[in-house]
Amino acid sequence: MQSITRFVSRAAVLATAFGAAVALAGGPAAASVSTKGWSPQCDWGKACIRLASDAGRWWNMNNCGYNPINDRYSWGKAHGNSFTVTYVNGTWDRVEAWTERPLDGNNTVIKVDVHC
């Protein structure tokens, strides 16, 4: 009887440890989805700009207001909030909420202001 109790006790400890390991492994991966910037698409609910030199790379803005940027982007998409892209030469483009439009891919973006 003692060996059965010991077996059940060890099985419970192993099951608990395995469950904790699965939770820890799943936790950061799930959390990182909402905090990432680069993505192969414009993620739902984000203000996004597509890299001019690589049409498969989107920068997803993770916060409202000022977002410093320093590269060339060819397309903007607003899944919810409108935003303004400012270029190094002082010109700008605005992408209205729930729309998308081309950007000046020959001009360097220095900031994006997401309007929330």
Protein backbone atom coordinates (compact mmCIF):
# COMPACT_ATOMS: atom_id res chain seq x y z
CA MET A 1 0.00 0.00 0.00
CA GLN A 2 2.87 2.35 0.78
CA SER A 3 4.37 1.93 -2.71
CA ILE A 4 1.03 2.83 -4.34
CA THR A 5 0.77 5.97 -2.19
CA ARG A 6 4.37 6.91 -3.05
CA PHE A 7 3.68 6.31 -6.76
CA VAL A 8 0.54 8.45 -6.73
CA SER A 9 2.36 11.18 -4.81
CA ARG A 10 5.26 11.21 -7.31
CA ALA A 11 2.83 11.20 -10.24
CA ALA A 12 1.03 14.23 -8.79
CA VAL A 13 4.32 16.10 -8.32
CA LEU A 14 5.39 15.30 -11.89
CA ALA A 15 2.01 16.35 -13.29
CA THR A 16 2.20 19.65 -11.40
CA ALA A 17 5.75 20.29 -12.61
CA PHE A 18 4.80 19.42 -16.19
CA GLY A 19 1.77 21.74 -16.04
CA ALA A 20 3.92 24.59 -14.72
CA ALA A 21 6.49 24.03 -17.48
CA VAL A 22 3.77 24.12 -20.14
CA ALA A 23 2.31 27.31 -18.64
CA LEU A 24 5.72 28.99 -18.55
CA ALA A 25 6.53 27.94 -22.09
CA GLY A 26 3.17 29.16 -23.40
CA GLY A 27 3.08 32.40 -21.42
CA PRO A 28 5.89 34.42 -22.97
CA ALA A 29 5.13 33.27 -26.50
CA ALA A 30 1.53 34.40 -26.18
CA ALA A 31 2.57 37.68 -24.59
CA SER A 32 5.16 38.43 -27.25
CA VAL A 33 2.51 38.46 -29.99
CA SER A 34 0.98 41.64 -28.61
CA THR A 35 4.31 43.39 -27.96
CA LYS A 36 6.14 42.76 -31.21
CA GLY A 37 6.82 45.45 -33.78
CA TRP A 38 7.86 43.58 -36.94
CA SER A 39 5.34 41.24 -38.50
CA PRO A 40 4.68 39.67 -41.91
CA GLN A 41 1.31 41.48 -41.93
CA CYS A 42 -0.44 44.42 -40.34
CA ASP A 43 -1.84 42.97 -37.12
CA TRP A 44 -5.47 43.60 -36.21
CA GLY A 45 -5.99 46.74 -34.13
CA LYS A 46 -2.62 48.26 -35.03
CA ALA A 47 -1.39 51.23 -37.00
CA CYS A 48 1.15 49.77 -39.47
CA ILE A 49 3.65 50.83 -42.08
CA ARG A 50 5.20 48.50 -44.68
CA LEU A 51 8.96 48.61 -45.27
CA ALA A 52 9.75 49.96 -48.76
CA SER A 53 12.70 47.61 -49.31
CA ASP A 54 10.79 44.47 -48.23
CA ALA A 55 7.04 44.24 -48.91
CA GLY A 56 6.80 41.28 -46.52
CA ARG A 57 7.77 43.30 -43.43
CA TRP A 58 5.35 45.50 -41.53
CA TRP A 59 6.13 47.66 -38.51
CA ASN A 60 3.18 47.53 -36.08
CA MET A 61 2.89 50.52 -33.74
CA ASN A 62 2.27 49.27 -30.20
CA ASN A 63 1.33 52.55 -28.56
CA CYS A 64 -0.51 55.78 -29.16
CA GLY A 65 1.25 59.07 -29.73
CA TYR A 66 4.86 59.51 -30.81
CA ASN A 67 6.69 56.53 -32.34
CA PRO A 68 10.27 57.23 -33.48
CA ILE A 69 11.11 55.67 -36.87
CA ASN A 70 14.13 55.87 -39.19
CA ASP A 71 13.62 54.05 -42.49
CA ARG A 72 11.65 54.18 -45.74
CA TYR A 73 8.10 52.82 -45.88
CA SER A 74 5.82 52.43 -48.90
CA TRP A 75 2.37 51.69 -47.45
CA GLY A 76 0.31 52.59 -44.40
CA LYS A 77 -2.66 50.76 -42.92
CA ALA A 78 -4.81 51.87 -39.97
CA HIS A 79 -6.72 49.10 -38.21
CA GLY A 80 -8.65 51.38 -35.91
CA ASN A 81 -6.69 54.55 -35.16
CA SER A 82 -5.62 57.14 -37.71
CA PHE A 83 -1.96 58.13 -37.79
CA THR A 84 0.38 60.69 -39.32
CA VAL A 85 3.74 59.76 -40.88
CA THR A 86 6.37 62.54 -40.85
CA TYR A 87 9.28 62.44 -43.30
CA VAL A 88 12.82 63.75 -42.84
CA ASN A 89 12.16 66.66 -45.24
CA GLY A 90 9.21 67.90 -43.12
CA THR A 91 6.40 66.60 -45.34
CA TRP A 92 3.80 64.20 -43.98
CA ASP A 93 1.05 61.74 -44.89
CA ARG A 94 -2.05 60.90 -42.90
CA VAL A 95 -3.72 57.49 -42.89
CA GLU A 96 -7.33 57.69 -41.72
CA ALA A 97 -8.85 55.08 -39.40
CA TRP A 98 -9.92 51.85 -41.13
CA THR A 99 -8.16 52.81 -44.38
CA GLU A 100 -4.86 52.15 -46.10
CA ARG A 101 -2.82 54.13 -48.60
CA PRO A 102 0.58 54.44 -50.30
CA LEU A 103 3.38 56.35 -48.58
CA ASP A 104 6.42 58.08 -50.09
CA GLY A 105 8.78 55.11 -50.21
CA ASN A 106 11.64 57.32 -51.46
CA ASN A 107 11.55 59.52 -48.35
CA THR A 108 12.79 58.52 -44.88
CA VAL A 109 10.13 58.38 -42.15
CA ILE A 110 11.33 59.94 -38.90
CA LYS A 111 8.20 59.51 -36.77
CA VAL A 112 4.65 58.21 -36.68
CA ASP A 113 2.01 59.82 -34.48
CA VAL A 114 -0.83 57.40 -33.72
CA HIS A 115 -4.01 59.33 -32.84
CA CYS A 116 -5.88 57.57 -30.01
